[in-house]
Structure formats: structure tokens, C-alpha cells
Amino acid sequence: MTIDVDALRTHLNITGTDDDAVLARLLSAAASHVEAQLGFAVDDADEFPEGTPADVDQAVLMLAAHWYENREGSIVGMSIASVPYGVAEVLANRRRYSFAAEDT
């Protein structure tokens, strides 16, 4: 993976290093989640021989940032809306499996 805590801190516009342990944990969890969605490791040279594509890195950053900004399981008193072209949409273009029934 080509992104690190510094990249996530920049993405979140955080200037201090107080939350680096939290950011590292969220970055690792986000990468694991993305890999589970894709069905392969983001640093797999067979899948991405020229390195992890920018959109996959962006999906990891977006997911880690979302988890950082929304650390609780629910939000009270706010309207919630999905963001277009979020993590799921980016990864749908890259995954190697589908849920479609096979021809028999």
C-alpha cells in the first residue's frame, strides 16, 4: 500500500501527531476492509503490477477518514446521506468476483 499515516493526516487536514496511533489502526483496518471487498491484497503485484491504483488508495483514505470522523456506531440528531462515488463504488470497479448466479 502506498499510503501511510502522514497521507491520512494530510487527507484529514490534521497538523498534529497526537492521534497517530488511532490513525494507524484505522488505516490498517480500512486497508483490510478494502482487501476483503476486493478479494485480494491491495499490494498484490499480480493484481496491480504497477502499484496500487490511485482510486484504491483513495478508497482506503476515505474509509479510514470516515471511521476517524464517525467513531461511534450511531449518530443522533443529524441527517445522514450517502456520498456519491464512495468507497463501495470505487471498489466495485476493481473487484474480481460477483454475486451473479453462474450458468448451469
PDB file of N, CA and C in Angstrom:
ATOM      1  N   MET A   1       0.855  -1.168   0.000  1.00  0.00           N
ATOM      2  CA  MET A   1       0.000   0.000   0.000  1.00  0.00           C
ATOM      3  C   MET A   1       0.905   1.236   0.000  1.00  0.00           C
ATOM      4  N   THR A   2       0.519   2.203  -0.769  1.00  0.00           N
ATOM      5  CA  THR A   2       1.354   3.389  -0.924  1.00  0.00           C
ATOM      6  C   THR A   2       0.974   4.528   0.015  1.00  0.00           C
ATOM      7  N   ILE A   3      -0.019   4.333   0.852  1.00  0.00           N
ATOM      8  CA  ILE A   3      -0.412   5.401   1.774  1.00  0.00           C
ATOM      9  C   ILE A   3       0.010   5.046   3.192  1.00  0.00           C
ATOM     10  N   ASP A   4       0.275   6.090   3.976  1.00  0.00           N
ATOM     11  CA  ASP A   4       0.710   5.903   5.355  1.00  0.00           C
ATOM     12  C   ASP A   4      -0.018   6.909   6.244  1.00  0.00           C
ATOM     13  N   VAL A   5       0.354   6.934   7.506  1.00  0.00           N
ATOM     14  CA  VAL A   5      -0.302   7.825   8.468  1.00  0.00           C
ATOM     15  C   VAL A   5      -0.143   9.285   8.052  1.00  0.00           C
ATOM     16  N   ASP A   6       1.014   9.651   7.501  1.00  0.00           N
ATOM     17  CA  ASP A   6       1.202  11.033   7.038  1.00  0.00           C
ATOM     18  C   ASP A   6       0.182  11.397   5.968  1.00  0.00           C
ATOM     19  N   ALA A   7      -0.053  10.477   5.037  1.00  0.00           N
ATOM     20  CA  ALA A   7      -1.035  10.729   3.980  1.00  0.00           C
ATOM     21  C   ALA A   7      -2.441  10.856   4.555  1.00  0.00           C
ATOM     22  N   LEU A   8      -2.772  10.005   5.520  1.00  0.00           N
ATOM     23  CA  LEU A   8      -4.095  10.079   6.146  1.00  0.00           C
ATOM     24  C   LEU A   8      -4.240  11.376   6.936  1.00  0.00           C
ATOM     25  N   ARG A   9      -3.197  11.763   7.645  1.00  0.00           N
ATOM     26  CA  ARG A   9      -3.229  13.026   8.393  1.00  0.00           C
ATOM     27  C   ARG A   9      -3.458  14.196   7.433  1.00  0.00           C
ATOM     28  N   THR A  10      -2.775  14.189   6.297  1.00  0.00           N
ATOM     29  CA  THR A  10      -2.965  15.237   5.287  1.00  0.00           C
ATOM     30  C   THR A  10      -4.388  15.208   4.740  1.00  0.00           C
ATOM     31  N   HIS A  11      -4.894  14.025   4.453  1.00  0.00           N
ATOM     32  CA  HIS A  11      -6.260  13.872   3.941  1.00  0.00           C
ATOM     33  C   HIS A  11      -7.277  14.454   4.921  1.00  0.00           C
ATOM     34  N   LEU A  12      -7.040  14.249   6.201  1.00  0.00           N
ATOM     35  CA  LEU A  12      -7.948  14.739   7.242  1.00  0.00           C
ATOM     36  C   LEU A  12      -7.654  16.188   7.652  1.00  0.00           C
ATOM     37  N   ASN A  13      -6.595  16.762   7.098  1.00  0.00           N
ATOM     38  CA  ASN A  13      -6.184  18.123   7.448  1.00  0.00           C
ATOM     39  C   ASN A  13      -5.854  18.240   8.939  1.00  0.00           C
ATOM     40  N   ILE A  14      -5.137  17.226   9.444  1.00  0.00           N
ATOM     41  CA  ILE A  14      -4.680  17.208  10.839  1.00  0.00           C
ATOM     42  C   ILE A  14      -3.211  17.605  10.836  1.00  0.00           C
ATOM     43  N   THR A  15      -2.858  18.580  11.670  1.00  0.00           N
ATOM     44  CA  THR A  15      -1.473  19.046  11.695  1.00  0.00           C
ATOM     45  C   THR A  15      -0.644  18.400  12.803  1.00  0.00           C
ATOM     46  N   GLY A  16      -1.266  17.987  13.884  1.00  0.00           N
ATOM     47  CA  GLY A  16      -0.534  17.383  14.996  1.00  0.00           C
ATOM     48  C   GLY A  16      -0.402  15.886  14.846  1.00  0.00           C
ATOM     49  N   THR A  17       0.384  15.291  15.751  1.00  0.00           N
ATOM     50  CA  THR A  17       0.619  13.850  15.706  1.00  0.00           C
ATOM     51  C   THR A  17      -0.013  13.127  16.895  1.00  0.00           C
ATOM     52  N   ASP A  18      -0.846  13.826  17.664  1.00  0.00           N
ATOM     53  CA  ASP A  18      -1.445  13.233  18.866  1.00  0.00           C
ATOM     54  C   ASP A  18      -2.265  11.984  18.573  1.00  0.00           C
ATOM     55  N   ASP A  19      -2.936  11.943  17.424  1.00  0.00           N
ATOM     56  CA  ASP A  19      -3.823  10.824  17.092  1.00  0.00           C
ATOM     57  C   ASP A  19      -3.176   9.796  16.170  1.00  0.00           C
ATOM     58  N   ASP A  20      -1.860   9.811  16.020  1.00  0.00           N
ATOM     59  CA  ASP A  20      -1.208   8.907  15.068  1.00  0.00           C
ATOM     60  C   ASP A  20      -1.471   7.435  15.351  1.00  0.00           C
ATOM     61  N   ALA A  21      -1.539   7.036  16.605  1.00  0.00           N
ATOM     62  CA  ALA A  21      -1.816   5.628  16.918  1.00  0.00           C
ATOM     63  C   ALA A  21      -3.221   5.248  16.445  1.00  0.00           C
ATOM     64  N   VAL A  22      -4.176   6.139  16.660  1.00  0.00           N
ATOM     65  CA  VAL A  22      -5.551   5.901  16.201  1.00  0.00           C
ATOM     66  C   VAL A  22      -5.579   5.862  14.672  1.00  0.00           C
ATOM     67  N   LEU A  23      -4.913   6.802  14.040  1.00  0.00           N
ATOM     68  CA  LEU A  23      -4.888   6.853  12.576  1.00  0.00           C
ATOM     69  C   LEU A  23      -4.244   5.602  11.987  1.00  0.00           C
ATOM     70  N   ALA A  24      -3.171   5.113  12.590  1.00  0.00           N
ATOM     71  CA  ALA A  24      -2.507   3.896  12.102  1.00  0.00           C
ATOM     72  C   ALA A  24      -3.442   2.697  12.199  1.00  0.00           C
ATOM     73  N   ARG A  25      -4.154   2.601  13.319  1.00  0.00           N
ATOM     74  CA  ARG A  25      -5.097   1.493  13.496  1.00  0.00           C
ATOM     75  C   ARG A  25      -6.226   1.569  12.469  1.00  0.00           C
ATOM     76  N   LEU A  26      -6.769   2.766  12.257  1.00  0.00           N
ATOM     77  CA  LEU A  26      -7.857   2.931  11.291  1.00  0.00           C
ATOM     78  C   LEU A  26      -7.387   2.687   9.866  1.00  0.00           C
ATOM     79  N   LEU A  27      -6.185   3.109   9.548  1.00  0.00           N
ATOM     80  CA  LEU A  27      -5.629   2.880   8.219  1.00  0.00           C
ATOM     81  C   LEU A  27      -5.455   1.390   7.954  1.00  0.00           C
ATOM     82  N   SER A  28      -4.954   0.666   8.942  1.00  0.00           N
ATOM     83  CA  SER A  28      -4.795  -0.782   8.803  1.00  0.00           C
ATOM     84  C   SER A  28      -6.151  -1.469   8.643  1.00  0.00           C
ATOM     85  N   ALA A  29      -7.121  -1.055   9.451  1.00  0.00           N
ATOM     86  CA  ALA A  29      -8.460  -1.647   9.371  1.00  0.00           C
ATOM     87  C   ALA A  29      -9.115  -1.332   8.030  1.00  0.00           C
ATOM     88  N   ALA A  30      -8.953  -0.104   7.557  1.00  0.00           N
ATOM     89  CA  ALA A  30      -9.535   0.280   6.272  1.00  0.00           C
ATOM     90  C   ALA A  30      -8.914  -0.520   5.134  1.00  0.00           C
ATOM     91  N   ALA A  31      -7.591  -0.697   5.167  1.00  0.00           N
ATOM     92  CA  ALA A  31      -6.924  -1.495   4.134  1.00  0.00           C
ATOM     93  C   ALA A  31      -7.419  -2.937   4.170  1.00  0.00           C
ATOM     94  N   SER A  32      -7.584  -3.497   5.359  1.00  0.00           N
ATOM     95  CA  SER A  32      -8.102  -4.865   5.484  1.00  0.00           C
ATOM     96  C   SER A  32      -9.515  -4.968   4.931  1.00  0.00           C
ATOM     97  N   HIS A  33     -10.334  -3.969   5.229  1.00  0.00           N
ATOM     98  CA  HIS A  33     -11.717  -3.971   4.727  1.00  0.00           C
ATOM     99  C   HIS A  33     -11.737  -3.882   3.199  1.00  0.00           C
ATOM    100  N   VAL A  34     -10.927  -3.010   2.648  1.00  0.00           N
ATOM    101  CA  VAL A  34     -10.850  -2.872   1.192  1.00  0.00           C
ATOM    102  C   VAL A  34     -10.374  -4.172   0.560  1.00  0.00           C
ATOM    103  N   GLU A  35      -9.380  -4.809   1.149  1.00  0.00           N
ATOM    104  CA  GLU A  35      -8.888  -6.082   0.626  1.00  0.00           C
ATOM    105  C   GLU A  35      -9.969  -7.155   0.659  1.00  0.00           C
ATOM    106  N   ALA A  36     -10.765  -7.181   1.723  1.00  0.00           N
ATOM    107  CA  ALA A  36     -11.863  -8.149   1.807  1.00  0.00           C
ATOM    108  C   ALA A  36     -12.895  -7.889   0.719  1.00  0.00           C
ATOM    109  N   GLN A  37     -13.170  -6.617   0.447  1.00  0.00           N
ATOM    110  CA  GLN A  37     -14.126  -6.272  -0.596  1.00  0.00           C
ATOM    111  C   GLN A  37     -13.606  -6.615  -1.985  1.00  0.00           C
ATOM    112  N   LEU A  38     -12.308  -6.417  -2.193  1.00  0.00           N
ATOM    113  CA  LEU A  38     -11.714  -6.710  -3.495  1.00  0.00           C
ATOM    114  C   LEU A  38     -11.496  -8.201  -3.719  1.00  0.00           C
ATOM    115  N   GLY A  39     -11.188  -8.922  -2.648  1.00  0.00           N
ATOM    116  CA  GLY A  39     -10.874 -10.333  -2.781  1.00  0.00           C
ATOM    117  C   GLY A  39      -9.395 -10.595  -2.967  1.00  0.00           C
ATOM    118  N   PHE A  40      -8.564  -9.574  -2.807  1.00  0.00           N
ATOM    119  CA  PHE A  40      -7.115  -9.725  -2.903  1.00  0.00           C
ATOM    120  C   PHE A  40      -6.449  -8.565  -2.172  1.00  0.00           C
ATOM    121  N   ALA A  41      -5.150  -8.701  -1.908  1.00  0.00           N
ATOM    122  CA  ALA A  41      -4.404  -7.669  -1.182  1.00  0.00           C
ATOM    123  C   ALA A  41      -4.155  -6.455  -2.070  1.00  0.00           C
ATOM    124  N   VAL A  42      -4.227  -5.269  -1.474  1.00  0.00           N
ATOM    125  CA  VAL A  42      -4.024  -4.055  -2.265  1.00  0.00           C
ATOM    126  C   VAL A  42      -2.589  -3.915  -2.758  1.00  0.00           C
ATOM    127  N   ASP A  43      -1.656  -4.594  -2.123  1.00  0.00           N
ATOM    128  CA  ASP A  43      -0.265  -4.527  -2.583  1.00  0.00           C
ATOM    129  C   ASP A  43       0.137  -5.776  -3.376  1.00  0.00           C
ATOM    130  N   ASP A  44      -0.847  -6.515  -3.894  1.00  0.00           N
ATOM    131  CA  ASP A  44      -0.594  -7.719  -4.682  1.00  0.00           C
ATOM    132  C   ASP A  44      -0.051  -7.323  -6.058  1.00  0.00           C
ATOM    133  N   ALA A  45       1.190  -7.666  -6.311  1.00  0.00           N
ATOM    134  CA  ALA A  45       1.840  -7.281  -7.569  1.00  0.00           C
ATOM    135  C   ALA A  45       1.217  -7.979  -8.772  1.00  0.00           C
ATOM    136  N   ASP A  46       0.591  -9.142  -8.563  1.00  0.00           N
ATOM    137  CA  ASP A  46      -0.082  -9.813  -9.680  1.00  0.00           C
ATOM    138  C   ASP A  46      -1.334  -9.050 -10.101  1.00  0.00           C
ATOM    139  N   GLU A  47      -2.045  -8.494  -9.127  1.00  0.00           N
ATOM    140  CA  GLU A  47      -3.264  -7.735  -9.427  1.00  0.00           C
ATOM    141  C   GLU A  47      -2.936  -6.325  -9.924  1.00  0.00           C
ATOM    142  N   PHE A  48      -1.974  -5.701  -9.288  1.00  0.00           N
ATOM    143  CA  PHE A  48      -1.586  -4.330  -9.631  1.00  0.00           C
ATOM    144  C   PHE A  48      -0.081  -4.277  -9.883  1.00  0.00           C
ATOM    145  N   PRO A  49       0.387  -4.747 -11.044  1.00  0.00           N
ATOM    146  CA  PRO A  49       1.823  -4.814 -11.300  1.00  0.00           C
ATOM    147  C   PRO A  49       2.526  -3.453 -11.276  1.00  0.00           C
ATOM    148  N   GLU A  50       1.786  -2.383 -11.480  1.00  0.00           N
ATOM    149  CA  GLU A  50       2.396  -1.049 -11.477  1.00  0.00           C
ATOM    150  C   GLU A  50       2.132  -0.302 -10.182  1.00  0.00           C
ATOM    151  N   GLY A  51       1.745  -1.034  -9.143  1.00  0.00           N
ATOM    152  CA  GLY A  51       1.458  -0.406  -7.859  1.00  0.00           C
ATOM    153  C   GLY A  51      -0.033  -0.182  -7.672  1.00  0.00           C
ATOM    154  N   THR A  52      -0.416   0.088  -6.445  1.00  0.00           N
ATOM    155  CA  THR A  52      -1.822   0.290  -6.118  1.00  0.00           C
ATOM    156  C   THR A  52      -2.357   1.514  -6.849  1.00  0.00           C
ATOM    157  N   PRO A  53      -3.459   1.353  -7.593  1.00  0.00           N
ATOM    158  CA  PRO A  53      -4.033   2.499  -8.311  1.00  0.00           C
ATOM    159  C   PRO A  53      -4.504   3.588  -7.343  1.00  0.00           C
ATOM    160  N   ALA A  54      -4.501   4.808  -7.830  1.00  0.00           N
ATOM    161  CA  ALA A  54      -4.882   5.960  -7.014  1.00  0.00           C
ATOM    162  C   ALA A  54      -6.298   5.843  -6.473  1.00  0.00           C
ATOM    163  N   ASP A  55      -7.219   5.260  -7.250  1.00  0.00           N
ATOM    164  CA  ASP A  55      -8.596   5.165  -6.765  1.00  0.00           C
ATOM    165  C   ASP A  55      -8.727   4.191  -5.599  1.00  0.00           C
ATOM    166  N   VAL A  56      -7.922   3.140  -5.581  1.00  0.00           N
ATOM    167  CA  VAL A  56      -7.952   2.198  -4.461  1.00  0.00           C
ATOM    168  C   VAL A  56      -7.338   2.853  -3.220  1.00  0.00           C
ATOM    169  N   ASP A  57      -6.227   3.563  -3.400  1.00  0.00           N
ATOM    170  CA  ASP A  57      -5.665   4.320  -2.277  1.00  0.00           C
ATOM    171  C   ASP A  57      -6.682   5.330  -1.742  1.00  0.00           C
ATOM    172  N   GLN A  58      -7.385   5.991  -2.644  1.00  0.00           N
ATOM    173  CA  GLN A  58      -8.396   6.965  -2.232  1.00  0.00           C
ATOM    174  C   GLN A  58      -9.517   6.291  -1.445  1.00  0.00           C
ATOM    175  N   ALA A  59      -9.918   5.099  -1.843  1.00  0.00           N
ATOM    176  CA  ALA A  59     -10.957   4.368  -1.113  1.00  0.00           C
ATOM    177  C   ALA A  59     -10.493   4.056   0.307  1.00  0.00           C
ATOM    178  N   VAL A  60      -9.238   3.638   0.462  1.00  0.00           N
ATOM    179  CA  VAL A  60      -8.689   3.363   1.796  1.00  0.00           C
ATOM    180  C   VAL A  60      -8.679   4.642   2.628  1.00  0.00           C
ATOM    181  N   LEU A  61      -8.222   5.735   2.050  1.00  0.00           N
ATOM    182  CA  LEU A  61      -8.203   7.017   2.760  1.00  0.00           C
ATOM    183  C   LEU A  61      -9.605   7.462   3.157  1.00  0.00           C
ATOM    184  N   MET A  62     -10.557   7.359   2.230  1.00  0.00           N
ATOM    185  CA  MET A  62     -11.929   7.779   2.525  1.00  0.00           C
ATOM    186  C   MET A  62     -12.524   6.953   3.653  1.00  0.00           C
ATOM    187  N   LEU A  63     -12.295   5.658   3.629  1.00  0.00           N
ATOM    188  CA  LEU A  63     -12.852   4.796   4.661  1.00  0.00           C
ATOM    189  C   LEU A  63     -12.209   5.072   6.017  1.00  0.00           C
ATOM    190  N   ALA A  64     -10.893   5.178   6.049  1.00  0.00           N
ATOM    191  CA  ALA A  64     -10.210   5.481   7.311  1.00  0.00           C
ATOM    192  C   ALA A  64     -10.639   6.845   7.846  1.00  0.00           C
ATOM    193  N   ALA A  65     -10.774   7.835   6.974  1.00  0.00           N
ATOM    194  CA  ALA A  65     -11.212   9.170   7.392  1.00  0.00           C
ATOM    195  C   ALA A  65     -12.644   9.133   7.913  1.00  0.00           C
ATOM    196  N   HIS A  66     -13.500   8.384   7.248  1.00  0.00           N
ATOM    197  CA  HIS A  66     -14.889   8.255   7.706  1.00  0.00           C
ATOM    198  C   HIS A  66     -14.925   7.645   9.103  1.00  0.00           C
ATOM    199  N   TRP A  67     -14.153   6.594   9.309  1.00  0.00           N
ATOM    200  CA  TRP A  67     -14.130   5.955  10.627  1.00  0.00           C
ATOM    201  C   TRP A  67     -13.527   6.873  11.681  1.00  0.00           C
ATOM    202  N   TYR A  68     -12.581   7.716  11.305  1.00  0.00           N
ATOM    203  CA  TYR A  68     -11.999   8.664  12.255  1.00  0.00           C
ATOM    204  C   TYR A  68     -13.030   9.724  12.649  1.00  0.00           C
ATOM    205  N   GLU A  69     -13.726  10.257  11.666  1.00  0.00           N
ATOM    206  CA  GLU A  69     -14.695  11.323  11.916  1.00  0.00           C
ATOM    207  C   GLU A  69     -15.982  10.811  12.564  1.00  0.00           C
ATOM    208  N   ASN A  70     -16.288   9.544  12.400  1.00  0.00           N
ATOM    209  CA  ASN A  70     -17.526   8.950  12.915  1.00  0.00           C
ATOM    210  C   ASN A  70     -17.168   7.712  13.721  1.00  0.00           C
ATOM    211  N   ARG A  71     -16.640   7.916  14.900  1.00  0.00           N
ATOM    212  CA  ARG A  71     -16.117   6.802  15.702  1.00  0.00           C
ATOM    213  C   ARG A  71     -17.187   6.033  16.461  1.00  0.00           C
ATOM    214  N   GLU A  72     -18.394   6.496  16.439  1.00  0.00           N
ATOM    215  CA  GLU A  72     -19.478   5.812  17.145  1.00  0.00           C
ATOM    216  C   GLU A  72     -20.341   5.049  16.149  1.00  0.00           C
ATOM    217  N   GLY A  73     -21.094   4.070  16.652  1.00  0.00           N
ATOM    218  CA  GLY A  73     -21.932   3.233  15.804  1.00  0.00           C
ATOM    219  C   GLY A  73     -23.211   3.912  15.350  1.00  0.00           C
ATOM    220  N   SER A  74     -23.574   5.026  15.967  1.00  0.00           N
ATOM    221  CA  SER A  74     -24.787   5.737  15.568  1.00  0.00           C
ATOM    222  C   SER A  74     -24.591   7.229  15.773  1.00  0.00           C
ATOM    223  N   ILE A  75     -25.403   7.991  15.051  1.00  0.00           N
ATOM    224  CA  ILE A  75     -25.363   9.442  15.151  1.00  0.00           C
ATOM    225  C   ILE A  75     -26.777   9.908  15.497  1.00  0.00           C
ATOM    226  N   VAL A  76     -26.892  10.737  16.512  1.00  0.00           N
ATOM    227  CA  VAL A  76     -28.194  11.206  16.973  1.00  0.00           C
ATOM    228  C   VAL A  76     -28.379  12.657  16.563  1.00  0.00           C
ATOM    229  N   GLY A  77     -29.588  12.973  16.072  1.00  0.00           N
ATOM    230  CA  GLY A  77     -29.935  14.354  15.784  1.00  0.00           C
ATOM    231  C   GLY A  77     -29.360  14.927  14.513  1.00  0.00           C
ATOM    232  N   MET A  78     -28.981  14.090  13.563  1.00  0.00           N
ATOM    233  CA  MET A  78     -28.417  14.590  12.308  1.00  0.00           C
ATOM    234  C   MET A  78     -29.021  13.827  11.140  1.00  0.00           C
ATOM    235  N   SER A  79     -29.086  14.485   9.993  1.00  0.00           N
ATOM    236  CA  SER A  79     -29.469  13.805   8.762  1.00  0.00           C
ATOM    237  C   SER A  79     -28.225  13.183   8.151  1.00  0.00           C
ATOM    238  N   ILE A  80     -28.360  11.984   7.669  1.00  0.00           N
ATOM    239  CA  ILE A  80     -27.240  11.265   7.069  1.00  0.00           C
ATOM    240  C   ILE A  80     -27.576  11.004   5.604  1.00  0.00           C
ATOM    241  N   ALA A  81     -26.629  11.244   4.731  1.00  0.00           N
ATOM    242  CA  ALA A  81     -26.811  10.967   3.310  1.00  0.00           C
ATOM    243  C   ALA A  81     -25.557  10.291   2.785  1.00  0.00           C
ATOM    244  N   SER A  82     -25.738   9.381   1.850  1.00  0.00           N
ATOM    245  CA  SER A  82     -24.593   8.716   1.224  1.00  0.00           C
ATOM    246  C   SER A  82     -23.858   9.699   0.322  1.00  0.00           C
ATOM    247  N   VAL A  83     -22.550   9.543   0.273  1.00  0.00           N
ATOM    248  CA  VAL A  83     -21.745  10.373  -0.604  1.00  0.00           C
ATOM    249  C   VAL A  83     -21.589   9.642  -1.933  1.00  0.00           C
ATOM    250  N   PRO A  84     -21.908  10.290  -3.047  1.00  0.00           N
ATOM    251  CA  PRO A  84     -21.738   9.627  -4.343  1.00  0.00           C
ATOM    252  C   PRO A  84     -20.284   9.248  -4.577  1.00  0.00           C
ATOM    253  N   TYR A  85     -20.070   8.186  -5.303  1.00  0.00           N
ATOM    254  CA  TYR A  85     -18.735   7.709  -5.637  1.00  0.00           C
ATOM    255  C   TYR A  85     -17.898   7.467  -4.387  1.00  0.00           C
ATOM    256  N   GLY A  86     -18.521   6.831  -3.424  1.00  0.00           N
ATOM    257  CA  GLY A  86     -17.836   6.486  -2.194  1.00  0.00           C
ATOM    258  C   GLY A  86     -17.014   5.222  -2.358  1.00  0.00           C
ATOM    259  N   VAL A  87     -16.632   4.667  -1.246  1.00  0.00           N
ATOM    260  CA  VAL A  87     -15.745   3.512  -1.213  1.00  0.00           C
ATOM    261  C   VAL A  87     -16.323   2.338  -2.002  1.00  0.00           C
ATOM    262  N   ALA A  88     -17.585   2.009  -1.779  1.00  0.00           N
ATOM    263  CA  ALA A  88     -18.192   0.855  -2.462  1.00  0.00           C
ATOM    264  C   ALA A  88     -18.168   1.017  -3.974  1.00  0.00           C
ATOM    265  N   GLU A  89     -18.441   2.212  -4.446  1.00  0.00           N
ATOM    266  CA  GLU A  89     -18.467   2.452  -5.887  1.00  0.00           C
ATOM    267  C   GLU A  89     -17.076   2.336  -6.502  1.00  0.00           C
ATOM    268  N   VAL A  90     -16.068   2.841  -5.804  1.00  0.00           N
ATOM    269  CA  VAL A  90     -14.695   2.738  -6.300  1.00  0.00           C
ATOM    270  C   VAL A  90     -14.277   1.274  -6.374  1.00  0.00           C
ATOM    271  N   LEU A  91     -14.560   0.527  -5.322  1.00  0.00           N
ATOM    272  CA  LEU A  91     -14.113  -0.865  -5.262  1.00  0.00           C
ATOM    273  C   LEU A  91     -14.884  -1.773  -6.205  1.00  0.00           C
ATOM    274  N   ALA A  92     -16.133  -1.439  -6.499  1.00  0.00           N
ATOM    275  CA  ALA A  92     -16.927  -2.253  -7.416  1.00  0.00           C
ATOM    276  C   ALA A  92     -16.254  -2.359  -8.783  1.00  0.00           C
ATOM    277  N   ASN A  93     -15.528  -1.334  -9.171  1.00  0.00           N
ATOM    278  CA  ASN A  93     -14.836  -1.353 -10.464  1.00  0.00           C
ATOM    279  C   ASN A  93     -13.588  -2.218 -10.456  1.00  0.00           C
ATOM    280  N   ARG A  94     -13.100  -2.578  -9.280  1.00  0.00           N
ATOM    281  CA  ARG A  94     -11.823  -3.286  -9.172  1.00  0.00           C
ATOM    282  C   ARG A  94     -11.932  -4.726  -8.674  1.00  0.00           C
ATOM    283  N   ARG A  95     -13.066  -5.100  -8.099  1.00  0.00           N
ATOM    284  CA  ARG A  95     -13.121  -6.438  -7.504  1.00  0.00           C
ATOM    285  C   ARG A  95     -13.142  -7.516  -8.579  1.00  0.00           C
ATOM    286  N   ARG A  96     -12.761  -8.722  -8.173  1.00  0.00           N
ATOM    287  CA  ARG A  96     -12.606  -9.833  -9.105  1.00  0.00           C
ATOM    288  C   ARG A  96     -13.691 -10.893  -8.951  1.00  0.00           C
ATOM    289  N   TYR A  97     -14.805 -10.566  -8.313  1.00  0.00           N
ATOM    290  CA  TYR A  97     -15.876 -11.529  -8.129  1.00  0.00           C
ATOM    291  C   TYR A  97     -17.207 -10.811  -8.267  1.00  0.00           C
ATOM    292  N   SER A  98     -18.265 -11.598  -8.423  1.00  0.00           N
ATOM    293  CA  SER A  98     -19.607 -11.022  -8.471  1.00  0.00           C
ATOM    294  C   SER A  98     -20.540 -11.970  -7.731  1.00  0.00           C
ATOM    295  N   PHE A  99     -21.722 -11.502  -7.484  1.00  0.00           N
ATOM    296  CA  PHE A  99     -22.717 -12.310  -6.796  1.00  0.00           C
ATOM    297  C   PHE A  99     -23.733 -12.879  -7.788  1.00  0.00           C
ATOM    298  N   ALA A 100     -23.488 -12.743  -9.059  1.00  0.00           N
ATOM    299  CA  ALA A 100     -24.397 -13.239 -10.082  1.00  0.00           C
ATOM    300  C   ALA A 100     -24.362 -14.777 -10.080  1.00  0.00           C
ATOM    301  N   ALA A 101     -25.511 -15.357 -10.359  1.00  0.00           N
ATOM    302  CA  ALA A 101     -25.591 -16.824 -10.437  1.00  0.00           C
ATOM    303  C   ALA A 101     -24.858 -17.308 -11.691  1.00  0.00           C
ATOM    304  N   GLU A 102     -24.157 -18.426 -11.542  1.00  0.00           N
ATOM    305  CA  GLU A 102     -23.447 -18.993 -12.670  1.00  0.00           C
ATOM    306  C   GLU A 102     -24.425 -19.737 -13.565  1.00  0.00           C
ATOM    307  N   ASP A 103     -24.131 -19.795 -14.854  1.00  0.00           N
ATOM    308  CA  ASP A 103     -24.938 -20.572 -15.788  1.00  0.00           C
ATOM    309  C   ASP A 103     -24.783 -22.051 -15.483  1.00  0.00           C
ATOM    310  N   THR A 104     -25.862 -22.781 -15.575  1.00  0.00           N
ATOM    311  CA  THR A 104     -25.771 -24.228 -15.334  1.00  0.00           C
ATOM    312  C   THR A 104     -26.018 -25.004 -16.582  1.00  0.00           C
TER     313      THR A 104
END
